[in-house]
């Protein structure tokens, strides 16, 4: 190829360029004149091109100063150079890059974006304090970063999306997060953050997406989440150490589509005001996804045009927030938030009955209240939640009959009422009889299909604890293993004490062991000799 061949914009995304890194990119650009660099908006897009090679040593020198570099969705490996990376929009997501985080220098006249997610970067993220320029999007998720996140976010007042999820960060959350007044998306999930939520976070009034799941955060759920963060669409505090009651101020989140407070130590009752979740009570035109768009309009001038030409729009960066939710037993990612309306309060210490107001959430798709201490009867009007696809009330203390309105849930595909004190006949419907019997197991008072052909067997009185429940079995096994361990310890040390403390018994024991050893040796020698004679005899016959 002619080395003089050069183009300013190289967009060959989704083309099969790999597996080797395209060497023809090397002569594409040498030096821009100072005037042209001032207005340059060059970009390189080789995303999803099937490249599984290491990044050439010459790359960052050749493409230094490019406004837009996108190498996402490949298998490119390599590290950053020691020098600062000068660009406005950098997307290296879904590759195999490694090494420490470098310093970045952005175009001070434009909003920048950096996406390094789903790589193998390591070390500290302290270089973010030295970023020059304004960031609108910053994603370091799914890497191997560790240590404490520096408290220097006051430098990024225009940041709209910050994702540090699925790394190894520790320590408390930086209080300077409260300076991110333009922030709409914050994901810190899958780290080891500890301590209470900083009160400064309530200044992020534009937040729509807040994911703090799978950390070690503690304290009570702050009331200001419902008072100050009223634009929230997604809220997940799952897998932390939060305690106390669910603040009724959360009912002020009328746009909320997903609420996940599971796997904490929350106690008390469910607030009766959850029917204030307007997005779950009425059929609305919901945001199908939470997107962030960064549009770079130039100015950009082609060499053939005059300097006073009109700027042209050339770069658009799009970023979609993905919700991570436990769906039918497995964690799954959902970019289409409007398709899933969910409440997950499982694995806590909640008590009392399900409030009647919950039946007003007619658009709710997922309701998980399992592994709590709820009692009383299952909500009689639960069938009014017409869109319900997943209902898990297992491992509680619900009693009484299964409400007949449950048979009206035609979209129900996942049901679990096991390990309760339910009784009576399972309502007859095409839907309920199709579920596996395990969905109703460990409710000794239940009868009828699918767990039994009919209800001719006398039912135990309602409220009577189920015999042979999992708790009884666990208690029995606990004492069984405890007794077995104690018996072994007493027997072993008792024998050793007698042998080592009483000389005559010790000598008898050693003589017995010597005799046993001699017997084994003689027996083995005799058997070996007999076997050798038989083999020789067989050999003689064959000859």
Protein backbone atom coordinates (compact mmCIF):
# COMPACT_ATOMS: atom_id res chain seq x y z
CA UNK A 1 0.00 0.00 0.00
CA UNK A 2 1.21 3.51 -0.79
CA UNK A 3 2.58 5.06 2.41
CA UNK A 4 1.28 8.45 1.32
CA UNK A 5 -2.31 7.22 1.56
CA UNK A 6 -4.03 9.14 4.35
CA UNK A 7 -7.56 9.75 5.50
CA UNK A 8 -8.79 11.77 8.44
CA UNK A 9 -11.75 9.62 9.47
CA UNK A 10 -11.52 5.86 9.56
CA UNK A 11 -14.85 4.17 10.35
CA UNK A 12 -14.69 0.46 9.65
CA UNK A 13 -16.67 -0.86 12.62
CA UNK A 14 -18.23 -4.34 12.36
CA UNK A 15 -15.91 -5.19 9.48
CA UNK A 16 -13.84 -8.37 9.57
CA UNK A 17 -10.36 -6.87 9.99
CA UNK A 18 -8.84 -9.43 12.37
CA UNK A 19 -7.53 -11.48 13.87
CA UNK A 20 -4.31 -9.43 13.43
CA UNK A 21 -4.30 -5.71 14.13
CA UNK A 22 -4.56 -3.93 10.74
CA UNK A 23 -1.05 -2.77 9.90
CA UNK A 24 -2.34 -0.54 7.12
CA UNK A 25 -3.47 1.95 9.77
CA UNK A 26 0.17 2.76 10.53
CA UNK A 27 0.88 5.14 7.61
CA UNK A 28 -2.51 6.84 7.82
CA UNK A 29 -1.45 9.92 9.72
CA UNK A 30 1.89 11.48 10.49
CA UNK A 31 1.77 15.09 11.59
CA UNK A 32 -1.03 17.64 11.46
CA UNK A 33 -0.16 21.24 10.87
CA UNK A 34 -0.82 23.52 13.85
CA UNK A 35 -3.75 25.23 12.09
CA UNK A 36 -5.35 21.97 11.07
CA UNK A 37 -4.86 20.38 14.51
CA UNK A 38 -6.71 23.26 16.07
CA UNK A 39 -9.87 22.29 14.23
CA UNK A 40 -9.27 18.57 13.89
CA UNK A 41 -12.04 16.16 14.76
CA UNK A 42 -10.45 12.99 13.39
CA UNK A 43 -11.88 9.71 14.51
CA UNK A 44 -11.06 6.02 14.38
CA UNK A 45 -13.73 3.36 14.74
CA UNK A 46 -12.64 -0.28 14.44
CA UNK A 47 -15.11 -1.66 16.98
CA UNK A 48 -16.43 -5.23 16.67
CA UNK A 49 -13.91 -6.05 13.95
CA UNK A 50 -12.77 -9.48 15.14
CA UNK A 51 -9.30 -8.30 16.20
CA UNK A 52 -7.57 -10.55 18.75
CA UNK A 53 -4.07 -9.16 18.70
CA UNK A 54 -1.89 -6.96 20.87
CA UNK A 55 -1.92 -3.23 20.28
CA UNK A 56 1.11 -2.16 18.20
CA UNK A 57 3.77 -0.02 19.86
CA UNK A 58 3.23 2.77 17.31
CA UNK A 59 -0.52 3.14 17.87
CA UNK A 60 -0.67 5.92 20.47
CA UNK A 61 1.98 7.95 18.64
CA UNK A 62 0.11 7.77 15.35
CA UNK A 63 -3.32 8.50 16.76
CA UNK A 64 -2.36 11.01 19.42
CA UNK A 65 -4.90 13.83 19.45
CA UNK A 66 -7.69 11.98 17.63
CA UNK A 67 -11.03 13.23 18.93
CA UNK A 68 -12.74 9.83 18.78
CA UNK A 69 -11.14 6.38 19.18
CA UNK A 70 -13.40 3.33 19.40
CA UNK A 71 -11.85 -0.16 19.57
CA UNK A 72 -14.61 -1.77 21.64
CA UNK A 73 -15.86 -5.36 21.35
CA UNK A 74 -12.62 -6.95 20.17
CA UNK A 75 -9.99 -9.04 21.94
CA UNK A 76 -7.19 -6.50 21.79
CA UNK A 77 -4.54 -6.68 24.51
CA UNK A 78 -1.89 -4.23 25.59
CA UNK A 79 -1.17 -1.43 28.05
CA UNK A 80 -1.27 2.34 28.03
CA UNK A 81 1.92 4.32 27.46
CA UNK A 82 3.48 6.33 30.26
CA UNK A 83 2.59 9.57 28.53
CA UNK A 84 -0.81 11.24 28.86
CA UNK A 85 -3.56 10.13 26.44
CA UNK A 86 -4.93 13.09 24.50
CA UNK A 87 -8.43 12.49 23.10
CA UNK A 88 -12.03 13.55 23.62
CA UNK A 89 -13.85 10.25 23.30
CA UNK A 90 -12.16 6.92 24.05
CA UNK A 91 -13.98 3.57 24.04
CA UNK A 92 -11.87 0.45 24.69
CA UNK A 93 -14.64 -1.56 26.34
CA UNK A 94 -14.88 -5.36 26.03
CA UNK A 95 -11.24 -6.12 25.28
CA UNK A 96 -8.21 -7.57 27.10
CA UNK A 97 -6.31 -4.38 27.94
CA UNK A 98 -4.33 -4.48 31.18
CA UNK A 99 -1.98 -2.45 33.31
CA UNK A 100 -2.51 0.74 35.32
CA UNK A 101 -4.77 3.65 34.50
CA UNK A 102 -2.97 6.47 32.65
CA UNK A 103 -3.53 10.20 32.74
CA UNK A 104 -5.98 11.67 30.26
CA UNK A 105 -6.00 15.05 28.59
CA UNK A 106 -9.33 15.98 27.03
CA UNK A 107 -10.29 18.73 24.63
CA UNK A 108 -11.13 21.59 26.97
CA UNK A 109 -13.73 22.96 24.55
CA UNK A 110 -15.82 19.78 24.46
CA UNK A 111 -17.46 17.23 26.74
CA UNK A 112 -15.40 14.05 26.81
CA UNK A 113 -16.16 10.38 27.43
CA UNK A 114 -13.96 7.49 28.59
CA UNK A 115 -15.18 3.90 28.56
CA UNK A 116 -12.65 1.26 29.67
CA UNK A 117 -15.17 -1.29 30.95
CA UNK A 118 -14.79 -5.07 30.69
CA UNK A 119 -11.01 -5.23 30.54
CA UNK A 120 -8.24 -6.29 32.93
CA UNK A 121 -6.91 -2.94 34.12
CA UNK A 122 -5.37 -3.05 37.60
CA UNK A 123 -4.11 -0.83 40.38
CA UNK A 124 -5.34 2.45 41.75
CA UNK A 125 -7.60 4.97 40.03
CA UNK A 126 -5.89 8.00 41.59
CA UNK A 127 -4.96 9.32 38.09
CA UNK A 128 -8.59 10.40 37.63
CA UNK A 129 -7.77 13.42 39.83
CA UNK A 130 -5.35 14.57 37.13
CA UNK A 131 -7.78 14.40 34.20
CA UNK A 132 -7.70 17.65 32.27
CA UNK A 133 -10.98 18.71 30.68
CA UNK A 134 -14.68 18.09 31.24
CA UNK A 135 -15.97 14.55 31.42
CA UNK A 136 -19.58 13.65 30.64
CA UNK A 137 -19.22 9.85 30.79
CA UNK A 138 -16.73 7.74 32.76
CA UNK A 139 -16.95 3.94 32.87
CA UNK A 140 -14.28 1.77 34.54
CA UNK A 141 -16.57 -1.13 35.40
CA UNK A 142 -15.66 -4.83 35.21
CA UNK A 143 -11.93 -4.45 35.70
CA UNK A 144 -9.44 -5.35 38.44
CA UNK A 145 -9.01 -1.91 39.99
CA UNK A 146 -8.59 -1.80 43.77
CA UNK A 147 -7.92 0.50 46.68
CA UNK A 148 -9.76 3.61 47.82
CA UNK A 149 -11.53 5.82 45.29
CA UNK A 150 -9.98 9.31 45.52
CA UNK A 151 -12.18 12.10 46.83
CA UNK A 152 -11.77 14.54 43.93
CA UNK A 153 -15.03 14.45 41.96
CA UNK A 154 -15.57 18.17 42.41
CA UNK A 155 -13.56 18.53 39.20
CA UNK A 156 -16.36 16.96 37.10
CA UNK A 157 -19.51 19.08 37.49
CA UNK A 158 -20.79 18.04 34.04
CA UNK A 159 -20.46 14.27 34.55
CA UNK A 160 -23.77 12.54 33.73
CA UNK A 161 -22.76 8.86 33.99
CA UNK A 162 -20.24 7.29 36.40
CA UNK A 163 -19.76 3.53 36.52
CA UNK A 164 -17.12 2.00 38.81
CA UNK A 165 -18.95 -1.28 39.31
CA UNK A 166 -17.50 -4.80 39.58
CA UNK A 167 -13.99 -3.95 40.73
CA UNK A 168 -12.19 -4.33 44.06
CA UNK A 169 -12.63 -0.85 45.51
CA UNK A 170 -12.86 -0.51 49.30
CA UNK A 171 -13.28 2.15 51.94
CA UNK A 172 -16.09 4.66 52.27
CA UNK A 173 -17.86 6.40 49.42
CA UNK A 174 -16.22 9.74 48.49
CA UNK A 175 -18.18 12.69 49.86
CA UNK A 176 -17.24 14.70 46.77
CA UNK A 177 -19.79 12.65 44.81
CA UNK A 178 -22.21 15.32 45.98
CA UNK A 179 -20.56 17.79 43.58
CA UNK A 180 -21.80 15.77 40.59
CA UNK A 181 -24.95 17.85 40.22
CA UNK A 182 -25.45 16.75 36.59
CA UNK A 183 -25.18 13.04 37.41
CA UNK A 184 -27.99 10.85 36.09
CA UNK A 185 -26.38 7.43 36.44
CA UNK A 186 -24.23 6.10 39.32
CA UNK A 187 -23.20 2.46 39.57
CA UNK A 188 -20.80 1.30 42.28
CA UNK A 189 -22.04 -2.28 42.52
CA UNK A 190 -19.84 -5.31 43.11
CA UNK A 191 -17.13 -3.70 45.22
CA UNK A 192 -16.21 -3.62 48.93
CA UNK A 193 -17.38 -0.15 49.84
CA UNK A 194 -18.28 0.16 53.52
CA UNK A 195 -19.78 2.64 55.93
CA UNK A 196 -22.90 4.75 55.56
CA UNK A 197 -24.06 6.62 52.49
CA UNK A 198 -22.61 10.15 52.43
CA UNK A 199 -25.32 12.76 52.94
CA UNK A 200 -23.78 14.82 50.14
CA UNK A 201 -25.19 12.30 47.67
CA UNK A 202 -28.58 13.94 48.07
CA UNK A 203 -27.24 16.85 46.01
CA UNK A 204 -27.35 14.61 42.91
CA UNK A 205 -30.98 15.51 42.33
CA UNK A 206 -30.94 14.45 38.66
CA UNK A 207 -30.10 10.82 39.44
CA UNK A 208 -32.28 8.32 37.57
CA UNK A 209 -30.16 5.21 38.06
CA UNK A 210 -28.53 4.33 41.41
CA UNK A 211 -26.92 0.91 41.87
CA UNK A 212 -24.98 0.32 45.11
CA UNK A 213 -25.61 -3.44 45.26
CA UNK A 214 -23.15 -6.11 46.45
CA UNK A 215 -21.05 -3.98 48.76
CA UNK A 216 -20.61 -3.77 52.55
CA UNK A 217 -22.54 -0.55 53.14
CA UNK A 218 -24.30 -0.22 56.49
CA UNK A 219 -26.56 1.99 58.55
CA UNK A 220 -30.20 2.81 57.90
CA UNK A 221 -31.60 3.58 54.47
CA UNK A 222 -31.53 7.40 54.34
CA UNK A 223 -34.86 9.24 54.16
CA UNK A 224 -33.41 11.74 51.71
CA UNK A 225 -33.32 9.11 48.95
CA UNK A 226 -37.09 9.47 48.64
CA UNK A 227 -37.10 13.20 49.32
CA UNK A 228 -34.19 14.51 47.23
CA UNK A 229 -33.69 11.87 44.53
CA UNK A 230 -37.25 12.00 43.25
CA UNK A 231 -36.27 11.27 39.63
CA UNK A 232 -35.00 7.75 40.39
CA UNK A 233 -36.13 5.04 37.97
CA UNK A 234 -33.81 2.29 39.25
CA UNK A 235 -32.73 1.85 42.89
CA UNK A 236 -30.73 -1.15 44.09
CA UNK A 237 -29.20 -1.48 47.57
CA UNK A 238 -29.13 -5.27 47.34
CA UNK A 239 -26.48 -7.33 49.13
CA UNK A 240 -25.36 -4.87 51.81
CA UNK A 241 -25.69 -4.54 55.59
CA UNK A 242 -28.48 -1.98 55.77
CA UNK A 243 -30.72 -2.26 58.83
CA UNK A 244 -33.73 -0.55 60.32
CA UNK A 245 -37.07 0.05 58.66
CA UNK A 246 -37.92 0.91 55.07
CA UNK A 247 -38.46 4.69 55.26
CA UNK A 248 -41.92 5.71 54.08
CA UNK A 249 -40.24 8.59 52.22
CA UNK A 250 -39.28 6.07 49.53
CA UNK A 251 -42.92 6.19 48.45
CA UNK A 252 -42.13 9.59 46.95
CA UNK A 253 -40.25 7.91 44.10
CA UNK A 254 -43.20 7.96 41.73
CA UNK A 255 -41.09 7.20 38.64
CA UNK A 256 -39.48 4.12 40.18
CA UNK A 257 -39.56 1.02 37.99
CA UNK A 258 -37.19 -1.30 39.88
CA UNK A 259 -36.72 -1.38 43.68
CA UNK A 260 -34.25 -3.94 45.02
CA UNK A 261 -33.55 -3.94 48.78
CA UNK A 262 -32.91 -7.70 49.03
CA UNK A 263 -30.20 -9.44 51.10
CA UNK A 264 -29.90 -6.89 53.89
CA UNK A 265 -30.94 -6.75 57.55
CA UNK A 266 -34.01 -4.58 57.10
CA UNK A 267 -36.80 -5.08 59.65
CA UNK A 268 -40.28 -3.77 60.33
CA UNK A 269 -43.22 -3.81 57.94
CA UNK A 270 -43.71 -2.86 54.30
CA UNK A 271 -44.86 0.77 54.02
CA UNK A 272 -48.50 0.92 52.95
CA UNK A 273 -47.82 3.86 50.65
CA UNK A 274 -46.11 1.84 47.91
CA UNK A 275 -49.13 2.51 45.73
CA UNK A 276 -47.57 5.94 45.16
CA UNK A 277 -45.23 4.28 42.65
CA UNK A 278 -47.14 5.73 39.71
CA UNK A 279 -45.07 3.85 37.14
CA UNK A 280 -46.29 0.56 38.67
CA UNK A 281 -49.94 1.47 39.16
CA UNK A 282 -50.82 2.83 35.73
CA UNK A 283 -50.06 1.79 32.20
CA UNK A 284 -47.72 4.58 31.14
CA UNK A 285 -45.34 5.14 28.28
CA UNK A 286 -42.20 4.38 30.27
CA UNK A 287 -38.61 5.07 29.28
CA UNK A 288 -37.54 1.87 27.59
CA UNK A 289 -33.95 2.57 28.54
CA UNK A 290 -31.88 5.25 30.22
CA UNK A 291 -29.54 6.63 27.58
CA UNK A 292 -26.85 9.28 27.58
CA UNK A 293 -25.97 11.05 24.34
CA UNK A 294 -22.90 13.20 23.83
CA UNK A 295 -22.92 15.11 20.56
CA UNK A 296 -19.72 16.66 19.25
CA UNK A 297 -20.66 19.29 16.64
CA UNK A 298 -17.21 20.49 15.67
CA UNK A 299 -16.09 22.94 14.49
CA UNK A 300 -14.44 20.79 11.82
CA UNK A 301 -13.15 22.18 8.53
CA UNK A 302 -12.06 20.16 5.56
CA UNK A 303 -8.88 21.44 3.88
CA UNK A 304 -10.80 22.30 0.75
CA UNK A 305 -13.21 24.57 2.64
CA UNK A 306 -12.72 28.09 3.92
CA UNK A 307 -12.03 28.66 7.60
CA UNK A 308 -15.35 30.45 8.04
CA UNK A 309 -17.31 27.39 6.89
CA UNK A 310 -20.21 26.16 8.98
CA UNK A 311 -19.37 23.42 11.50
CA UNK A 312 -20.65 19.93 10.73
CA UNK A 313 -21.89 17.30 13.24
CA UNK A 314 -19.73 14.24 13.15
CA UNK A 315 -19.50 12.46 16.53
CA UNK A 316 -22.26 11.03 18.70
CA UNK A 317 -21.49 8.91 21.77
CA UNK A 318 -24.34 6.80 23.13
CA UNK A 319 -24.30 5.04 26.51
CA UNK A 320 -27.06 2.82 27.92
CA UNK A 321 -27.50 2.00 31.62
CA UNK A 322 -28.09 -1.69 32.27
CA UNK A 323 -30.01 -2.92 35.30
CA UNK A 324 -28.73 -6.04 37.04
CA UNK A 325 -31.56 -7.98 38.68
CA UNK A 326 -32.12 -11.48 40.02
CA UNK A 327 -34.67 -12.92 37.61
CA UNK A 328 -35.96 -16.47 38.10
CA UNK A 329 -33.00 -17.40 40.30
CA UNK A 330 -30.16 -15.93 38.26
CA UNK A 331 -28.72 -12.43 37.94
CA UNK A 332 -29.39 -10.98 34.55
CA UNK A 333 -28.73 -7.67 32.85
CA UNK A 334 -31.62 -5.60 31.52
CA UNK A 335 -31.04 -2.54 29.33
CA UNK A 336 -34.76 -2.32 28.57
CA UNK A 337 -35.86 -0.98 31.96
CA UNK A 338 -39.40 -0.14 30.87
CA UNK A 339 -40.12 -3.81 30.17
CA UNK A 340 -39.46 -4.85 33.77
CA UNK A 341 -41.23 -3.42 36.82
CA UNK A 342 -39.96 -5.18 39.92
CA UNK A 343 -39.92 -5.08 43.74
CA UNK A 344 -37.45 -7.38 45.51
CA UNK A 345 -37.41 -7.29 49.33
CA UNK A 346 -36.24 -10.89 49.82
CA UNK A 347 -33.72 -12.12 52.41
CA UNK A 348 -34.42 -9.56 55.13
CA UNK A 349 -36.16 -9.56 58.52
CA UNK A 350 -39.43 -7.96 57.47
CA UNK A 351 -42.54 -8.82 59.48
CA UNK A 352 -46.29 -8.29 59.47
CA UNK A 353 -48.73 -8.77 56.63
CA UNK A 354 -48.59 -7.70 53.02
CA UNK A 355 -50.36 -4.31 52.85
CA UNK A 356 -53.58 -4.17 50.83
CA UNK A 357 -52.23 -1.21 48.86
CA UNK A 358 -49.77 -3.53 47.13
CA UNK A 359 -52.60 -4.90 45.00
CA UNK A 360 -52.82 -1.46 43.33
CA UNK A 361 -49.50 -2.06 41.53
CA UNK A 362 -51.29 -3.49 38.50
CA UNK A 363 -48.29 -3.16 36.16
CA UNK A 364 -45.82 -4.92 38.50
CA UNK A 365 -44.00 -7.83 36.79
CA UNK A 366 -41.81 -9.21 39.61
CA UNK A 367 -42.64 -9.44 43.33
CA UNK A 368 -40.17 -11.24 45.59
CA UNK A 369 -40.85 -11.24 49.35
CA UNK A 370 -39.18 -14.58 50.10
CA UNK A 371 -37.02 -15.43 53.14
CA UNK A 372 -38.55 -12.97 55.57
CA UNK A 373 -40.80 -13.25 58.63
CA UNK A 374 -44.12 -12.25 57.06
CA UNK A 375 -47.25 -13.78 58.58
CA UNK A 376 -51.00 -13.70 58.17
CA UNK A 377 -52.83 -14.49 54.97
CA UNK A 378 -51.62 -13.94 51.45
CA UNK A 379 -53.14 -10.81 49.97
CA UNK A 380 -56.66 -11.73 48.80
CA UNK A 381 -56.54 -9.27 45.90
CA UNK A 382 -53.16 -10.38 44.66
CA UNK A 383 -54.84 -11.37 41.41
CA UNK A 384 -55.37 -7.68 40.67
CA UNK A 385 -51.65 -7.41 39.80
CA UNK A 386 -52.50 -8.53 36.28
CA UNK A 387 -49.02 -8.27 34.75
CA UNK A 388 -47.30 -10.39 37.41
CA UNK A 389 -44.91 -12.96 35.93
CA UNK A 390 -42.80 -13.83 38.98
CA UNK A 391 -44.19 -14.26 42.51
CA UNK A 392 -42.00 -15.61 45.31
CA UNK A 393 -43.44 -15.71 48.85
CA UNK A 394 -41.45 -18.76 50.00
CA UNK A 395 -39.87 -19.27 53.43
CA UNK A 396 -42.17 -17.05 55.44
CA UNK A 397 -44.97 -17.75 57.90
CA UNK A 398 -48.00 -17.19 55.70
CA UNK A 399 -51.06 -19.17 56.77
CA UNK A 400 -54.59 -19.81 55.59
CA UNK A 401 -55.79 -20.62 52.10
CA UNK A 402 -54.21 -19.64 48.81
CA UNK A 403 -56.42 -16.81 47.49
CA UNK A 404 -58.54 -17.83 44.50
CA UNK A 405 -57.61 -14.60 42.71
CA UNK A 406 -54.13 -16.10 42.18
CA UNK A 407 -55.63 -18.26 39.45
CA UNK A 408 -56.44 -15.09 37.47
CA UNK A 409 -52.76 -14.27 36.86
CA UNK A 410 -52.53 -15.48 33.26
CA UNK A 411 -48.94 -14.23 32.76
CA UNK A 412 -47.57 -15.97 35.86
CA UNK A 413 -44.61 -18.13 34.83
CA UNK A 414 -42.68 -18.48 38.09
CA UNK A 415 -44.41 -19.18 41.43
CA UNK A 416 -42.94 -20.22 44.78
CA UNK A 417 -45.12 -20.55 47.91
CA UNK A 418 -43.03 -23.25 49.59
CA UNK A 419 -42.03 -23.39 53.27
CA UNK A 420 -45.04 -21.64 54.75
CA UNK A 421 -48.05 -22.73 56.85
CA UNK A 422 -50.61 -22.63 54.04
CA UNK A 423 -53.61 -24.98 54.10
CA UNK A 424 -56.68 -25.89 52.09
CA UNK A 425 -57.17 -26.78 48.46
CA UNK A 426 -54.97 -25.23 45.78
CA UNK A 427 -57.29 -23.13 43.56
CA UNK A 428 -58.16 -24.83 40.30
CA UNK A 429 -56.95 -23.15 37.14
CA UNK A 430 -55.03 -23.99 34.02
CA UNK A 431 -52.11 -21.95 35.32
CA UNK A 432 -51.56 -23.18 38.90
CA UNK A 433 -51.82 -26.88 38.14
CA UNK A 434 -48.96 -26.58 35.61
CA UNK A 435 -46.39 -25.57 38.22
CA UNK A 436 -43.99 -28.07 39.71
CA UNK A 437 -45.13 -29.52 43.07
CA UNK A 438 -42.02 -27.97 44.67
CA UNK A 439 -43.70 -24.56 44.29
CA UNK A 440 -46.12 -25.62 47.05
CA UNK A 441 -43.90 -27.97 49.07
CA UNK A 442 -43.55 -27.90 52.89
CA UNK A 443 -47.08 -26.63 53.42
CA UNK A 444 -48.54 -29.67 55.17
CA UNK A 445 -52.06 -28.31 55.02
CA UNK A 446 -52.20 -27.93 51.21
CA UNK A 447 -53.85 -30.48 48.99
CA UNK A 448 -55.04 -30.96 45.45
CA UNK A 449 -53.16 -30.90 42.16
CA UNK A 450 -50.27 -30.62 41.51
CA UNK A 451 -49.15 -31.97 44.94
CA UNK A 452 -51.91 -34.60 45.42
CA UNK A 453 -54.75 -36.02 43.31
CA UNK A 454 -57.49 -34.78 45.64
CA UNK A 455 -58.23 -33.39 49.10
CA UNK A 456 -59.68 -36.54 50.71
CA UNK A 457 -56.96 -36.58 53.37
CA UNK A 458 -57.89 -34.78 56.59
CA UNK A 459 -56.12 -31.45 56.70
CA UNK A 460 -54.24 -30.32 59.78
CA UNK A 461 -55.68 -27.27 61.50
CA UNK A 462 -54.54 -23.91 60.11
CA UNK A 463 -51.64 -22.34 61.91
CA UNK A 464 -50.21 -25.65 63.10
CA UNK A 465 -46.49 -25.80 62.36
CA UNK A 466 -45.62 -28.07 59.49
CA UNK A 467 -44.13 -31.37 60.69
CA UNK A 468 -40.81 -32.29 59.14
CA UNK A 469 -40.17 -28.80 57.85
CA UNK A 470 -36.75 -27.73 56.73
CA UNK A 471 -36.15 -26.02 60.08
CA UNK A 472 -36.83 -29.31 61.94
CA UNK A 473 -34.52 -31.18 59.61
CA UNK A 474 -31.77 -28.59 60.03
CA UNK A 475 -32.14 -28.75 63.82
CA UNK A 476 -31.91 -32.57 63.81
CA UNK A 477 -28.84 -32.61 61.56
CA UNK A 478 -27.16 -29.96 63.70
CA UNK A 479 -27.50 -32.06 66.86
CA UNK A 480 -26.61 -35.25 64.96
CA UNK A 481 -23.29 -33.88 63.72
CA UNK A 482 -22.57 -32.28 67.12
CA UNK A 483 -23.11 -35.60 68.90
CA UNK A 484 -21.04 -37.47 66.35
CA UNK A 485 -18.14 -35.03 66.77
CA UNK A 486 -18.28 -35.18 70.56
CA UNK A 487 -18.41 -38.98 70.50
CA UNK A 488 -15.36 -39.21 68.27
CA UNK A 489 -13.40 -36.74 70.42
CA UNK A 490 -14.24 -38.51 73.69
CA UNK A 491 -13.45 -41.97 72.28
CA UNK A 492 -10.19 -40.96 70.62
CA UNK A 493 -8.71 -39.00 73.51
CA UNK A 494 -9.97 -41.53 76.06
CA UNK A 495 -8.14 -44.34 74.25
CA UNK A 496 -4.98 -42.26 73.86
CA UNK A 497 -5.00 -41.27 77.53
CA UNK A 498 -5.27 -44.88 78.72
CA UNK A 499 -2.54 -46.10 76.36
CA UNK A 500 -0.04 -43.39 77.21
CA UNK A 501 -0.69 -43.17 80.95
CA UNK A 502 -0.83 -46.92 81.89
CA UNK A 503 2.49 -48.63 81.08
CA UNK A 504 1.25 -52.25 81.17
CA UNK A 505 -1.58 -51.43 78.71
CA UNK A 506 0.79 -49.53 76.48
CA UNK A 507 3.18 -52.53 76.30
CA UNK A 508 0.28 -54.90 75.61
CA UNK A 509 -0.94 -52.58 72.87
CA UNK A 510 2.50 -52.44 71.21
CA UNK A 511 2.88 -56.27 71.45
CA UNK A 512 -0.51 -56.65 69.86
CA UNK A 513 0.45 -54.29 67.03
CA UNK A 514 3.76 -56.20 66.50
CA UNK A 515 1.90 -59.53 66.35
CA UNK A 516 -0.61 -58.08 63.93
CA UNK A 517 2.20 -56.73 61.75
CA UNK A 518 3.97 -60.13 61.77
CA UNK A 519 0.73 -61.90 60.89
CA UNK A 520 0.09 -59.59 57.97
CA UNK A 521 3.67 -59.98 56.71
CA UNK A 522 3.65 -63.81 56.95
CA UNK A 523 0.23 -64.05 55.32
CA UNK A 524 1.34 -61.80 52.46
CA UNK A 525 4.58 -63.79 51.98
CA UNK A 526 2.73 -67.13 51.90
CA UNK A 527 0.17 -65.87 49.41
CA UNK A 528 2.94 -64.48 47.22
CA UNK A 529 4.84 -67.78 47.28
CA UNK A 530 1.72 -69.75 46.36
CA UNK A 531 0.98 -67.38 43.50
CA UNK A 532 4.55 -67.72 42.16
CA UNK A 533 4.32 -71.56 42.27
CA UNK A 534 1.02 -71.53 40.38
CA UNK A 535 2.44 -69.26 37.68
CA UNK A 536 5.47 -71.54 37.25
CA UNK A 537 3.24 -74.61 37.06
CA UNK A 538 1.11 -73.01 34.35
CA UNK A 539 4.23 -72.05 32.41
CA UNK A 540 5.51 -75.66 32.55
CA UNK A 541 2.21 -77.03 31.22
CA UNK A 542 2.17 -74.59 28.35
CA UNK A 543 5.71 -75.68 27.35
